[in-house]
Each structure stands twice: as C-alpha cells, then as structure tokens.
Amino acid sequence: MCSVATAISEPTRDTTFRFFESNFTPFQVVNPDGTDSGLVTGYYEPLLNGSRKRSARYHVPVYGVPDDLVVIDLGEVYPDLKNMRLRGRVEGKRVVPYFNRAQIENGTAPVAGREIVWVEDPVELFFLQIQGSGRVKLDGKETIALGYADQNGYPYRSIGRLLVDRGDLPLEKASMQGIKAWAKQNPEKLQELLNYNASYVFFREMPRDLPGPIGALGLPLTAGRSIAVDSRHIPLGAPVFLATTMPNARQPLNRLMVAQDTGGAIRGPVRADFFWGFGEEAATLAGRMKQSGKMWVLLPNGYPVAPASQN
C-alpha cells in the first residue's frame, strides 16, 4: 500500500479516491452498547501573549516537565496494559501520585526553575493545556511554539460540565467562549473552578519552522484533516471517515480524516476531536464544536480484525 501511495506522483481527487477505494476496507466504529453515534468536539492552536521574564503583566508560568515526574510504562510489566502509563513521583521507596493542579500552582510541587515563559491569563493557560499545543508572542515581537511534553497523571475533568451541573451556565453556553466570559465575571471563583480539573499539562519549546503542532504520532497536524481519537479503539495513523455537522449548525461535515492525535478527554470508540488549525476563526469553530457524529475506520485490505469488531 505504501509503495502504491508513493508511486502516485501527482495526486488528484480521482487518483486519491481510487487509492483508498482499492487498498482499504471501511469498518464502522460502534460503542460497547451497539450504538453508532458519539461526541465530536474541536481543538485548535491558540496564540497567547507572554514574556521570558516575569512581570506584573506576565505572571502566569508555563512549566516544562519537572525533574521529579516519573513515568512508568505498564506494558513492559503487564502486556495486557500495553500503551498505558503510570505517572507519579518517588517518596521514600514508594511511587505515589504526582502533585495535582492546585499543588503545582500553589508552590507545593518543585517546579520553580522549570518556567519556559510567563503569560498573562490563567484561563488562557488552562485552555492551552486542553489544546495541548500553541504559540506565544513574546513581548509583542517574536513568536515561539509550545508542544505537549507530559502530564501529571490525573484524568481530565470538564469544568464546563461542572458549571452546567452547578447551574452557573446553561448547557448551550458551556463552550470555551462561555467559560471565558464566566471567568471574567467571577474572578474570585476562578481558581476553585480550575482546580476541579486536577490534570496539568507540561510543555516543551518546539522548532519554529514546523507547519503545525506535533500530534501523538510525532508528526505535524493538518488543519481540517487531523483528528484526535482514543487509540485503544482506533489505531493511530489510520484514515477515518467522519460524518458530523459544522459547529452549532446542521450543515453536514463529511470528511476523510487521519487519526493523528490523542487527548485526555478523548475516551471511547465513537469519539473524535477535530483539529481546526491556528487563528481566531479556528478558535471560534473549535470552541463551539460539540456535535454528534459517526465514524468509519479504513483498514488496509486483509488487516486482521476480530469477527466481533466487524460491524
């Protein structure tokens, strides 16, 4: 299949269509209960303002990976736990959970000195962590790229869902834009809200000439063609046909995507996060996207699939 692909010197819509039709078999992705629909959200590459030095304006640190974070590949000990990792720290002779968001931000965790840059808004940093990558414009001049480096080991918890459950936001306003607006109106409640999501992402500075942020495959993402999936159910690198709708609309969005990324909130077979790219328009689309969708994974002809999965 790879040989066939590289032999296509000048791809067109027709040759591309024939390539996938001839070399792949589609399998519809279904949930454990037999349903075939799931949640499709969106993400993007944000732009923040920041500085290499702390100041009154830029006072929120963006941390690199702390030295005491330990990552254990459980698959090396238990093959059934392949692709699962345990994150923690060593305390005496034991491995214990790593510090949570509140402990990292209140100075309990030994993260001093690991600052990459300083930004101006804790909410913007929070959403940068959710997106997993982004850019920071330093003192209004040069721009650097930040990429996901690691995470503290806690599962993702949705602050939007918490605001809805508490009655602080109606469901239709529980978008990124709605959460940011709530934060501006309730600054005294903000830190408690952010701490609800104990998960904390650490970053690394990336080369500036990359065409896009780096996904879980170690390759740049492509706006409008890359999705994040749960790799326990869909193999990374696989083409996936996604049938959904545009954000907050009924306009169909049916497109062949590539499973190139993962995310802490992306759990379950029929679950996808659509990468919209960089810029304000991408931010608007990603922040509003919470659609229902169906998915078909395209596997190479002859790929071994268990009969129970052939739905």
Protein backbone atom coordinates (compact mmCIF):
# COMPACT_ATOMS: atom_id res chain seq x y z
CA MET A 1 0.00 0.00 0.00
CA CYS A 2 2.80 2.43 0.87
CA SER A 3 4.54 1.61 -2.39
CA VAL A 4 1.33 2.32 -4.29
CA ALA A 5 0.94 5.65 -2.49
CA THR A 6 4.48 6.84 -3.21
CA ALA A 7 4.05 5.87 -6.87
CA ILE A 8 1.28 8.46 -7.27
CA SER A 9 3.46 11.35 -8.43
CA GLU A 10 0.70 13.92 -8.99
CA PRO A 11 -2.29 13.14 -6.76
CA THR A 12 -5.71 14.31 -7.91
CA ARG A 13 -9.14 13.84 -6.37
CA ASP A 14 -9.75 10.87 -8.68
CA THR A 15 -6.43 9.10 -8.03
CA THR A 16 -6.77 9.70 -4.30
CA PHE A 17 -10.30 8.29 -4.29
CA ARG A 18 -9.21 5.23 -6.24
CA PHE A 19 -6.25 4.70 -3.92
CA PHE A 20 -8.44 4.48 -0.82
CA GLU A 21 -11.19 2.52 -2.58
CA SER A 22 -8.73 -0.09 -3.86
CA ASN A 23 -6.49 -0.51 -0.83
CA PHE A 24 -8.73 -0.11 2.22
CA THR A 25 -11.80 -1.73 3.75
CA PRO A 26 -14.14 0.50 5.83
CA PHE A 27 -15.39 -0.67 9.23
CA GLN A 28 -17.99 1.34 11.10
CA VAL A 29 -16.97 2.17 14.66
CA VAL A 30 -19.59 1.32 17.29
CA ASN A 31 -19.90 1.76 21.03
CA PRO A 32 -19.98 -1.16 23.50
CA ASP A 33 -23.78 -0.84 23.73
CA GLY A 34 -24.14 -1.21 19.97
CA THR A 35 -24.93 2.44 19.20
CA ASP A 36 -23.03 4.09 16.36
CA SER A 37 -23.03 7.79 17.33
CA GLY A 38 -20.72 9.71 19.61
CA LEU A 39 -19.37 13.12 20.56
CA VAL A 40 -17.24 15.17 18.16
CA THR A 41 -15.50 18.19 19.65
CA GLY A 42 -12.88 20.55 18.22
CA TYR A 43 -9.46 21.86 19.15
CA TYR A 44 -7.04 24.40 17.74
CA GLU A 45 -3.64 26.02 18.18
CA PRO A 46 -4.08 29.14 20.36
CA LEU A 47 -1.93 32.29 20.43
CA LEU A 48 -1.05 33.77 23.82
CA ASN A 49 0.90 36.87 24.78
CA GLY A 50 3.89 36.30 27.03
CA SER A 51 7.46 37.02 28.04
CA ARG A 52 10.64 35.20 29.03
CA LYS A 53 10.66 37.26 32.22
CA ARG A 54 8.04 37.53 34.93
CA SER A 55 6.36 40.91 35.30
CA ALA A 56 3.18 42.45 36.65
CA ARG A 57 1.52 41.74 33.31
CA TYR A 58 3.08 38.35 32.61
CA HIS A 59 2.81 36.49 35.91
CA VAL A 60 1.37 33.05 35.00
CA PRO A 61 4.13 30.44 34.44
CA VAL A 62 4.13 27.87 31.65
CA TYR A 63 6.13 24.93 33.01
CA GLY A 64 8.33 22.37 31.37
CA VAL A 65 8.46 18.81 32.71
CA PRO A 66 9.58 18.75 36.38
CA ASP A 67 12.61 16.65 37.26
CA ASP A 68 10.76 14.52 39.81
CA LEU A 69 7.98 13.34 37.48
CA VAL A 70 8.28 9.57 36.98
CA VAL A 71 6.61 7.80 34.03
CA ILE A 72 6.20 4.00 34.20
CA ASP A 73 5.27 2.04 31.08
CA LEU A 74 2.92 -0.61 32.49
CA GLY A 75 3.03 -2.60 29.26
CA GLU A 76 6.64 -3.54 29.97
CA VAL A 77 5.47 -5.47 33.04
CA TYR A 78 1.93 -6.43 32.07
CA PRO A 79 1.46 -6.95 28.30
CA ASP A 80 -2.32 -6.58 28.70
CA LEU A 81 -1.71 -2.97 29.74
CA LYS A 82 0.06 -2.02 26.51
CA ASN A 83 0.07 1.73 25.82
CA MET A 84 -0.86 2.51 29.44
CA ARG A 85 1.47 4.62 31.57
CA LEU A 86 1.54 5.45 35.26
CA ARG A 87 2.77 8.89 36.29
CA GLY A 88 3.89 9.76 39.78
CA ARG A 89 6.89 10.61 41.97
CA VAL A 90 9.14 8.68 44.29
CA GLU A 91 8.59 9.17 48.00
CA GLY A 92 10.98 7.04 50.02
CA LYS A 93 10.67 3.57 48.50
CA ARG A 94 7.21 4.10 47.04
CA VAL A 95 5.82 5.60 43.86
CA VAL A 96 2.97 7.94 44.82
CA PRO A 97 0.66 10.11 42.70
CA TYR A 98 2.21 13.27 41.34
CA PHE A 99 1.08 16.68 42.58
CA ASN A 100 -2.32 17.83 41.33
CA ARG A 101 -3.13 21.16 39.68
CA ALA A 102 -3.74 23.00 42.94
CA GLN A 103 -0.45 21.76 44.43
CA ILE A 104 1.50 22.68 41.30
CA GLU A 105 0.08 26.18 41.21
CA ASN A 106 0.40 26.89 44.96
CA GLY A 107 4.10 26.04 45.05
CA THR A 108 3.94 22.62 46.71
CA ALA A 109 5.41 20.88 43.66
CA PRO A 110 9.12 21.51 42.90
CA VAL A 111 8.50 23.26 39.59
CA ALA A 112 10.37 26.51 40.29
CA GLY A 113 13.01 27.00 37.64
CA ARG A 114 11.08 24.99 35.04
CA GLU A 115 9.31 28.04 33.61
CA ILE A 116 9.54 28.27 29.81
CA VAL A 117 7.65 31.54 29.50
CA TRP A 118 5.21 33.66 31.50
CA VAL A 119 1.74 34.53 30.18
CA GLU A 120 -0.88 36.98 31.35
CA ASP A 121 -4.06 34.98 31.89
CA PRO A 122 -4.56 31.73 33.86
CA VAL A 123 -7.68 30.90 31.83
CA GLU A 124 -5.74 31.19 28.57
CA LEU A 125 -3.07 28.87 30.01
CA PHE A 126 -5.78 26.41 31.09
CA PHE A 127 -7.15 26.22 27.55
CA LEU A 128 -3.63 25.99 26.15
CA GLN A 129 -3.24 22.86 28.28
CA ILE A 130 -6.51 21.46 26.97
CA GLN A 131 -5.46 22.11 23.35
CA GLY A 132 -2.05 20.54 24.02
CA SER A 133 -0.04 22.99 21.92
CA GLY A 134 0.06 26.65 20.96
CA ARG A 135 2.12 29.72 20.25
CA VAL A 136 3.27 32.56 22.49
CA LYS A 137 4.10 36.02 21.18
CA LEU A 138 6.94 37.31 23.34
CA ASP A 139 6.67 40.98 24.37
CA GLY A 140 4.82 41.70 21.14
CA LYS A 141 7.77 40.60 18.99
CA GLU A 142 8.98 37.08 18.16
CA THR A 143 6.66 34.09 18.45
CA ILE A 144 7.62 30.69 19.86
CA ALA A 145 5.80 27.37 19.55
CA LEU A 146 4.95 25.18 22.54
CA GLY A 147 4.14 21.48 22.31
CA TYR A 148 2.84 18.87 24.73
CA ALA A 149 5.67 17.30 26.75
CA ASP A 150 3.93 15.35 29.53
CA GLN A 151 1.13 15.37 32.06
CA ASN A 152 0.83 14.86 35.83
CA GLY A 153 -1.20 11.64 35.59
CA TYR A 154 -4.66 12.79 36.64
CA PRO A 155 -7.71 12.21 34.41
CA TYR A 156 -9.28 15.17 32.66
CA ARG A 157 -12.40 16.63 34.28
CA SER A 158 -14.59 19.10 32.41
CA ILE A 159 -15.04 22.48 34.11
CA GLY A 160 -17.77 23.27 31.59
CA ARG A 161 -19.77 20.28 32.78
CA LEU A 162 -19.24 21.39 36.39
CA LEU A 163 -20.56 24.89 35.64
CA VAL A 164 -23.64 23.38 33.99
CA ASP A 165 -24.26 20.94 36.85
CA ARG A 166 -23.98 23.77 39.39
CA GLY A 167 -26.39 25.93 37.43
CA ASP A 168 -23.77 28.60 36.73
CA LEU A 169 -24.02 28.20 32.95
CA PRO A 170 -26.76 26.91 30.67
CA LEU A 171 -25.71 23.97 28.54
CA GLU A 172 -25.81 25.97 25.31
CA LYS A 173 -23.23 28.42 26.71
CA ALA A 174 -20.82 25.82 28.10
CA SER A 175 -18.32 26.48 25.30
CA MET A 176 -14.79 27.81 25.57
CA GLN A 177 -16.11 31.30 24.89
CA GLY A 178 -18.84 30.91 27.51
CA ILE A 179 -16.39 29.66 30.15
CA LYS A 180 -14.03 32.57 29.48
CA ALA A 181 -16.90 35.03 29.86
CA TRP A 182 -17.93 33.40 33.16
CA ALA A 183 -14.33 33.64 34.41
CA LYS A 184 -14.21 37.39 33.76
CA GLN A 185 -17.44 37.86 35.69
CA ASN A 186 -16.38 35.62 38.60
CA PRO A 187 -12.64 36.13 39.24
CA GLU A 188 -12.97 35.21 42.93
CA LYS A 189 -14.30 31.74 41.99
CA LEU A 190 -11.87 31.08 39.15
CA GLN A 191 -9.08 29.20 40.92
CA GLU A 192 -11.51 26.82 42.60
CA LEU A 193 -13.06 26.09 39.22
CA LEU A 194 -9.70 25.44 37.54
CA ASN A 195 -8.57 23.19 40.39
CA TYR A 196 -11.57 20.94 39.75
CA ASN A 197 -9.57 19.60 36.82
CA ALA A 198 -6.57 18.15 38.69
CA SER A 199 -4.89 17.27 35.38
CA TYR A 200 -1.94 19.50 34.50
CA VAL A 201 0.00 19.59 31.21
CA PHE A 202 3.71 20.40 30.88
CA PHE A 203 5.17 21.83 27.68
CA ARG A 204 8.35 21.97 25.63
CA GLU A 205 9.54 24.59 23.19
CA MET A 206 9.26 23.41 19.59
CA PRO A 207 11.16 24.30 16.39
CA ARG A 208 9.72 27.42 14.79
CA ASP A 209 9.63 26.10 11.22
CA LEU A 210 7.07 23.34 11.81
CA PRO A 211 3.95 23.55 9.57
CA GLY A 212 1.71 22.66 12.51
CA PRO A 213 1.67 21.37 16.10
CA ILE A 214 3.03 17.88 16.73
CA GLY A 215 0.45 15.16 17.41
CA ALA A 216 0.76 11.83 19.19
CA LEU A 217 2.35 10.26 16.09
CA GLY A 218 5.23 12.73 16.30
CA LEU A 219 4.16 14.41 13.04
CA PRO A 220 2.66 17.86 12.38
CA LEU A 221 -1.13 18.05 12.38
CA THR A 222 -3.04 19.31 9.34
CA ALA A 223 -5.90 21.74 9.86
CA GLY A 224 -9.22 20.24 8.81
CA ARG A 225 -7.77 16.77 8.22
CA SER A 226 -6.36 15.59 11.58
CA ILE A 227 -8.40 14.21 14.45
CA ALA A 228 -7.61 13.03 17.95
CA VAL A 229 -9.04 9.62 18.86
CA ASP A 230 -8.91 7.04 21.63
CA SER A 231 -6.01 4.88 20.47
CA ARG A 232 -7.34 1.93 22.46
CA HIS A 233 -10.06 1.64 19.83
CA ILE A 234 -8.71 3.29 16.67
CA PRO A 235 -5.10 2.78 15.56
CA LEU A 236 -3.10 5.98 15.18
CA GLY A 237 -2.27 6.68 11.56
CA ALA A 238 -5.48 5.12 10.25
CA PRO A 239 -7.71 7.03 7.81
CA VAL A 240 -11.10 7.70 9.39
CA PHE A 241 -14.23 8.86 7.58
CA LEU A 242 -16.05 11.27 9.87
CA ALA A 243 -19.74 12.10 9.38
CA THR A 244 -20.84 15.01 11.57
CA THR A 245 -22.03 18.62 11.28
CA MET A 246 -20.43 22.05 11.50
CA PRO A 247 -20.19 23.64 14.96
CA ASN A 248 -23.58 24.74 16.29
CA ALA A 249 -25.14 24.02 12.91
CA ARG A 250 -26.89 21.36 10.85
CA GLN A 251 -24.61 21.82 7.85
CA PRO A 252 -23.07 18.42 7.07
CA LEU A 253 -19.36 17.93 7.66
CA ASN A 254 -18.45 14.63 5.99
CA ARG A 255 -14.72 14.23 5.51
CA LEU A 256 -11.89 11.73 5.33
CA MET A 257 -9.57 12.43 8.26
CA VAL A 258 -6.42 10.87 9.69
CA ALA A 259 -6.17 9.69 13.31
CA GLN A 260 -3.03 11.57 14.31
CA ASP A 261 -3.52 12.57 17.92
CA THR A 262 -4.90 11.64 21.33
CA GLY A 263 -6.18 13.62 24.31
CA GLY A 264 -7.10 13.24 27.96
CA ALA A 265 -10.77 13.95 27.24
CA ILE A 266 -10.96 11.68 24.20
CA ARG A 267 -12.32 8.42 25.57
CA GLY A 268 -14.45 5.78 23.87
CA PRO A 269 -14.75 4.22 20.40
CA VAL A 270 -17.01 6.79 18.69
CA ARG A 271 -15.22 9.89 19.95
CA ALA A 272 -13.20 12.41 17.96
CA ASP A 273 -11.58 15.81 18.42
CA PHE A 274 -11.39 17.77 15.14
CA PHE A 275 -8.27 19.91 14.64
CA TRP A 276 -9.26 23.28 13.16
CA GLY A 277 -5.81 24.87 12.90
CA PHE A 278 -4.46 28.24 14.08
CA GLY A 279 -6.08 31.64 14.44
CA GLU A 280 -9.27 33.34 15.61
CA GLU A 281 -11.56 31.53 13.17
CA ALA A 282 -10.15 28.17 14.27
CA ALA A 283 -10.64 29.18 17.90
CA THR A 284 -14.27 30.11 17.28
CA LEU A 285 -15.05 26.86 15.45
CA ALA A 286 -13.23 24.67 17.97
CA GLY A 287 -14.78 26.38 20.98
CA ARG A 288 -18.31 25.90 19.69
CA MET A 289 -17.98 22.36 18.35
CA LYS A 290 -19.90 19.77 20.33
CA GLN A 291 -21.63 17.71 17.67
CA SER A 292 -22.91 14.17 17.25
CA GLY A 293 -21.07 12.09 14.70
CA LYS A 294 -20.38 8.68 13.21
CA MET A 295 -17.03 7.20 12.24
CA TRP A 296 -15.69 4.57 9.86
CA VAL A 297 -12.08 3.48 10.20
CA LEU A 298 -10.38 2.47 6.95
CA LEU A 299 -8.10 -0.51 7.48
CA PRO A 300 -5.75 -1.99 4.86
CA ASN A 301 -7.25 -4.85 2.87
CA GLY A 302 -6.56 -8.08 4.71
CA TYR A 303 -5.91 -6.35 8.04
CA PRO A 304 -6.68 -8.88 10.84
CA VAL A 305 -9.88 -7.84 12.57
CA ALA A 306 -11.75 -9.91 15.14
CA PRO A 307 -15.18 -11.01 13.82
CA ALA A 308 -16.98 -9.29 16.71
CA SER A 309 -15.48 -5.97 15.63
CA GLN A 310 -16.66 -6.23 12.03
CA ASN A 311 -19.72 -4.00 12.31
